N, C-alpha and C. Protein backbone atom coordinates (compact mmCIF):
# COMPACT_ATOMS: atom_id res chain seq x y z
N MET A 1 29.54 -34.89 118.42
CA MET A 1 29.52 -34.04 117.01
C MET A 1 30.79 -33.84 116.63
N GLU A 2 31.01 -33.85 115.02
CA GLU A 2 32.42 -33.79 114.37
C GLU A 2 32.80 -32.06 114.69
N ALA A 3 34.12 -32.18 114.46
CA ALA A 3 34.61 -30.76 114.51
C ALA A 3 34.09 -30.03 113.17
N ARG A 4 34.06 -28.85 113.13
CA ARG A 4 33.60 -28.18 111.82
C ARG A 4 34.63 -27.04 111.80
N LEU A 5 35.79 -27.46 111.00
CA LEU A 5 36.87 -26.47 110.94
C LEU A 5 36.97 -25.96 109.35
N LEU A 6 37.24 -24.72 109.26
CA LEU A 6 37.57 -24.21 107.77
C LEU A 6 38.72 -24.79 107.09
N ALA A 7 38.68 -25.69 106.13
CA ALA A 7 39.67 -26.21 105.41
C ALA A 7 40.59 -25.40 104.82
N ALA A 8 41.85 -25.80 104.77
CA ALA A 8 42.99 -24.90 104.41
C ALA A 8 42.79 -24.62 102.76
N ARG A 9 42.20 -25.66 102.14
CA ARG A 9 41.89 -25.47 100.83
C ARG A 9 40.35 -25.19 100.60
N SER A 10 39.87 -23.81 100.11
CA SER A 10 38.68 -23.41 100.22
C SER A 10 37.73 -24.27 99.47
N GLU A 11 38.12 -24.82 98.45
CA GLU A 11 37.18 -25.67 97.72
C GLU A 11 36.57 -26.97 98.55
N PHE A 12 37.19 -27.31 99.47
CA PHE A 12 36.84 -28.42 100.32
C PHE A 12 35.84 -27.75 101.57
N GLY A 13 35.69 -26.56 101.50
CA GLY A 13 34.74 -25.87 102.55
C GLY A 13 35.25 -26.23 103.95
N TYR A 14 34.58 -27.06 104.68
CA TYR A 14 34.98 -27.51 106.08
C TYR A 14 35.36 -28.99 106.27
N THR A 15 36.23 -29.12 107.22
CA THR A 15 36.94 -30.49 107.58
C THR A 15 36.62 -30.85 108.99
N ASP A 16 36.82 -32.18 109.39
CA ASP A 16 36.85 -32.55 110.71
C ASP A 16 38.26 -32.85 111.22
N ARG A 17 39.34 -32.46 110.17
CA ARG A 17 40.66 -32.97 110.44
C ARG A 17 41.48 -31.83 110.79
N MET A 18 42.22 -31.73 111.80
CA MET A 18 43.15 -30.64 112.16
C MET A 18 44.18 -30.53 111.07
N ASP A 19 44.77 -31.54 110.64
CA ASP A 19 45.71 -31.59 109.44
C ASP A 19 45.34 -30.98 108.19
N ARG A 20 44.13 -30.94 107.80
CA ARG A 20 43.47 -30.10 106.76
C ARG A 20 42.95 -28.80 106.98
N ALA A 21 42.86 -28.41 108.14
CA ALA A 21 42.07 -27.15 108.57
C ALA A 21 43.20 -26.00 108.46
N LEU A 22 42.40 -24.79 108.29
CA LEU A 22 43.20 -23.60 108.36
C LEU A 22 43.86 -23.28 109.67
N LYS A 23 45.07 -22.92 109.58
CA LYS A 23 45.74 -22.84 110.97
C LYS A 23 45.20 -21.56 111.81
N ASP A 24 44.98 -22.08 112.98
CA ASP A 24 44.60 -20.87 114.05
C ASP A 24 43.26 -20.30 113.68
N GLU A 25 42.24 -20.90 112.99
CA GLU A 25 40.89 -20.63 112.84
C GLU A 25 40.06 -21.21 113.68
N PRO A 26 39.18 -20.48 114.32
CA PRO A 26 38.13 -21.17 115.27
C PRO A 26 37.19 -22.14 114.66
N GLU A 27 36.61 -23.01 115.34
CA GLU A 27 35.56 -23.93 114.79
C GLU A 27 34.57 -23.32 114.36
N ALA A 28 33.65 -23.43 113.27
CA ALA A 28 32.65 -22.81 112.75
C ALA A 28 31.46 -23.18 113.53
N VAL A 29 30.44 -22.28 113.58
CA VAL A 29 29.34 -22.65 114.18
C VAL A 29 28.51 -23.75 113.37
N THR A 30 27.36 -24.46 113.95
CA THR A 30 26.74 -25.44 113.28
C THR A 30 25.90 -24.72 112.17
N PRO A 31 25.51 -25.51 111.09
CA PRO A 31 24.52 -24.93 110.08
C PRO A 31 23.33 -24.37 110.62
N ASP A 32 22.75 -25.05 111.69
CA ASP A 32 21.50 -24.65 112.38
C ASP A 32 21.73 -23.39 113.07
N GLU A 33 22.76 -23.07 113.62
CA GLU A 33 23.34 -21.99 114.42
C GLU A 33 23.36 -20.84 113.28
N GLN A 34 23.99 -21.07 112.34
CA GLN A 34 24.36 -20.18 111.30
C GLN A 34 23.05 -19.61 110.77
N ARG A 35 22.00 -20.48 110.52
CA ARG A 35 20.72 -20.08 110.10
C ARG A 35 19.95 -19.31 111.07
N ARG A 36 20.07 -19.63 112.34
CA ARG A 36 19.32 -18.90 113.38
C ARG A 36 20.01 -17.53 113.40
N GLN A 37 21.39 -17.16 113.38
CA GLN A 37 22.05 -16.05 113.59
C GLN A 37 21.67 -15.04 112.19
N THR A 38 21.56 -15.79 110.91
CA THR A 38 21.00 -15.08 109.98
C THR A 38 19.75 -14.63 109.81
N ARG A 39 18.72 -15.47 110.48
CA ARG A 39 17.41 -14.92 110.77
C ARG A 39 17.38 -13.82 111.68
N GLN A 40 18.12 -13.93 112.72
CA GLN A 40 17.77 -12.99 113.89
C GLN A 40 18.52 -11.70 113.23
N ALA A 41 19.65 -11.77 112.51
CA ALA A 41 20.17 -10.45 111.93
C ALA A 41 19.30 -9.69 110.83
N ALA A 42 18.49 -10.60 110.16
CA ALA A 42 17.39 -9.96 109.28
C ALA A 42 16.29 -9.48 110.01
N ALA A 43 15.87 -10.15 111.20
CA ALA A 43 14.80 -9.61 111.94
C ALA A 43 15.10 -8.25 112.52
N GLY A 44 16.39 -8.25 112.92
CA GLY A 44 17.07 -6.92 113.77
C GLY A 44 16.88 -5.76 112.57
N ALA A 45 17.44 -6.17 111.46
CA ALA A 45 17.52 -5.05 110.42
C ALA A 45 16.05 -4.67 110.01
N THR A 46 15.09 -5.54 110.09
CA THR A 46 13.78 -5.02 109.71
C THR A 46 13.30 -4.24 110.75
N GLU A 47 13.48 -4.56 112.02
CA GLU A 47 12.99 -3.84 113.22
C GLU A 47 13.69 -2.30 113.27
N ARG A 48 14.97 -2.31 112.93
CA ARG A 48 15.77 -0.94 112.70
C ARG A 48 15.11 -0.24 111.65
N GLY A 49 14.69 -0.87 110.54
CA GLY A 49 14.14 -0.09 109.50
C GLY A 49 12.53 0.54 109.73
N ARG A 50 11.95 -0.39 110.50
CA ARG A 50 10.62 0.07 111.06
C ARG A 50 10.71 1.30 112.12
N GLN A 51 11.69 1.27 112.90
CA GLN A 51 11.85 2.29 113.92
C GLN A 51 12.55 3.63 113.10
N ASP A 52 13.22 3.42 112.16
CA ASP A 52 13.72 4.68 111.38
C ASP A 52 12.53 5.23 110.74
N TRP A 53 11.93 4.29 110.01
CA TRP A 53 10.65 5.06 109.19
C TRP A 53 9.73 5.68 110.19
N ALA A 54 9.42 5.11 111.33
CA ALA A 54 8.34 5.67 112.28
C ALA A 54 9.01 7.08 112.61
N SER A 55 10.32 7.07 112.79
CA SER A 55 10.87 8.32 113.23
C SER A 55 10.73 9.32 112.22
N ARG A 56 11.13 8.98 110.97
CA ARG A 56 11.16 10.09 109.91
C ARG A 56 9.58 10.38 109.36
N HIS A 57 8.86 9.52 109.45
CA HIS A 57 7.28 9.74 109.36
C HIS A 57 6.75 10.79 110.20
N SER A 58 7.27 10.54 111.46
CA SER A 58 6.70 11.47 112.65
C SER A 58 7.22 12.82 112.15
N GLN A 59 8.52 12.83 111.95
CA GLN A 59 8.96 14.21 111.70
C GLN A 59 8.56 14.82 110.39
N LEU A 60 8.06 14.21 109.41
CA LEU A 60 7.59 14.56 108.15
C LEU A 60 6.06 15.01 108.67
N GLN A 61 5.53 14.42 109.17
CA GLN A 61 4.03 14.78 109.60
C GLN A 61 3.99 15.98 110.34
N ALA A 62 4.93 16.16 111.31
CA ALA A 62 5.25 17.37 112.11
C ALA A 62 5.47 18.54 111.46
N ASP A 63 6.45 18.44 110.35
CA ASP A 63 6.83 19.44 109.48
C ASP A 63 5.52 19.83 108.54
N LEU A 64 4.89 18.83 108.10
CA LEU A 64 3.68 19.16 107.32
C LEU A 64 2.70 20.08 108.08
N ASP A 65 2.47 19.51 109.38
CA ASP A 65 1.44 20.33 110.30
C ASP A 65 1.79 21.63 110.37
N GLU A 66 3.20 21.80 110.56
CA GLU A 66 3.69 23.28 110.87
C GLU A 66 3.71 24.04 109.45
N LEU A 67 3.62 23.54 108.40
CA LEU A 67 3.42 24.34 107.17
C LEU A 67 1.96 24.83 107.03
N ARG A 68 1.19 23.76 107.47
CA ARG A 68 -0.31 23.99 107.36
C ARG A 68 -0.65 25.23 108.24
N ALA A 69 0.15 25.39 109.32
CA ALA A 69 -0.28 26.55 110.25
C ALA A 69 0.32 27.75 109.91
N GLN A 70 1.04 28.06 108.76
CA GLN A 70 1.72 29.20 108.40
C GLN A 70 0.82 30.23 107.59
N PRO A 71 0.97 31.44 107.72
CA PRO A 71 -0.09 32.21 107.09
C PRO A 71 -0.17 32.10 105.66
N TYR A 72 0.93 31.53 105.00
CA TYR A 72 0.83 31.47 103.48
C TYR A 72 0.22 29.94 103.26
N ALA A 73 -0.14 29.29 103.93
CA ALA A 73 -0.70 27.95 103.86
C ALA A 73 -1.91 27.81 102.97
N ARG A 74 -2.73 28.90 103.14
CA ARG A 74 -3.99 29.08 102.14
C ARG A 74 -3.66 29.06 100.81
N ALA A 75 -2.66 29.74 100.50
CA ALA A 75 -2.27 29.91 99.11
C ALA A 75 -1.64 28.62 98.26
N VAL A 76 -1.26 27.72 99.30
CA VAL A 76 -0.53 26.41 98.68
C VAL A 76 -1.35 25.27 99.34
N SER A 77 -2.75 25.37 99.76
CA SER A 77 -3.18 24.26 100.30
C SER A 77 -3.43 23.20 99.63
N SER A 78 -3.55 23.25 98.16
CA SER A 78 -3.69 22.02 97.41
C SER A 78 -2.34 21.39 97.41
N GLU A 79 -1.09 22.17 97.30
CA GLU A 79 0.10 21.38 97.44
C GLU A 79 0.30 20.66 98.56
N LEU A 80 -0.06 21.33 99.72
CA LEU A 80 0.04 20.53 101.12
C LEU A 80 -0.76 19.24 101.12
N ARG A 81 -2.13 19.25 100.65
CA ARG A 81 -2.95 18.26 100.58
C ARG A 81 -2.32 17.12 99.78
N LEU A 82 -1.52 17.40 98.62
CA LEU A 82 -0.74 16.64 97.89
C LEU A 82 0.38 15.89 98.39
N MET A 83 1.02 16.73 99.45
CA MET A 83 2.15 16.34 100.16
C MET A 83 1.71 15.23 101.31
N ALA A 84 0.54 15.45 101.83
CA ALA A 84 -0.13 14.59 102.81
C ALA A 84 -0.44 13.44 102.11
N ARG A 85 -0.92 13.34 100.99
CA ARG A 85 -1.31 12.17 100.36
C ARG A 85 -0.02 11.41 99.85
N HIS A 86 0.96 11.88 99.55
CA HIS A 86 2.35 11.30 99.10
C HIS A 86 2.75 10.79 100.48
N LEU A 87 2.75 11.48 101.48
CA LEU A 87 3.27 10.90 102.68
C LEU A 87 2.59 9.62 103.09
N SER A 88 1.21 9.69 102.98
CA SER A 88 0.38 8.54 103.32
C SER A 88 0.78 7.24 102.54
N LYS A 89 0.90 7.66 100.96
CA LYS A 89 1.31 6.46 100.13
C LYS A 89 2.74 5.92 100.51
N LEU A 90 3.73 6.76 100.82
CA LEU A 90 4.91 6.27 101.08
C LEU A 90 4.88 5.29 102.40
N ASP A 91 4.03 5.62 103.32
CA ASP A 91 3.84 4.96 104.44
C ASP A 91 3.44 3.66 104.19
N ARG A 92 2.33 3.47 103.39
CA ARG A 92 1.96 2.17 102.93
C ARG A 92 2.88 1.43 102.16
N LEU A 93 3.70 2.13 101.20
CA LEU A 93 4.83 1.29 100.28
C LEU A 93 5.96 0.98 101.15
N ILE A 94 6.29 1.69 102.21
CA ILE A 94 7.41 1.38 103.20
C ILE A 94 6.83 0.36 103.98
N GLY A 95 5.63 0.25 104.46
CA GLY A 95 5.07 -0.80 105.35
C GLY A 95 5.22 -2.07 104.60
N HIS A 96 4.88 -2.14 103.36
CA HIS A 96 4.82 -3.16 102.54
C HIS A 96 6.14 -3.79 102.34
N ALA A 97 7.01 -2.90 102.08
CA ALA A 97 8.52 -3.25 101.76
C ALA A 97 9.09 -3.97 103.14
N LEU A 98 9.01 -3.43 104.14
CA LEU A 98 9.48 -3.83 105.58
C LEU A 98 8.60 -5.24 105.84
N ALA A 99 7.51 -5.42 105.38
CA ALA A 99 6.86 -6.71 105.70
C ALA A 99 7.45 -7.76 104.80
N ASN A 100 7.83 -7.55 103.81
CA ASN A 100 8.48 -8.66 102.91
C ASN A 100 10.06 -8.94 103.12
């Protein structure tokens, strides 16, 4: 396989010749390896997003449950139900966003 060196002149991209390569730069990974790393990074970012939302959703749900247990909850029960519906909607929307 040919060397894949960053060209000293950026308009040429990569070269296999040392005399045309940027000095002291390591050889680039293959295009296939670059695509694999990009896919892996994207998958990792998606998984971190899922974990972040799962944690936040759990905390929001716990906070909402605590509010419902307060003595004043009856006075604001319709608002608490609305918050629960909004949390459910957020969960669906974020789930869709993370799936794409």
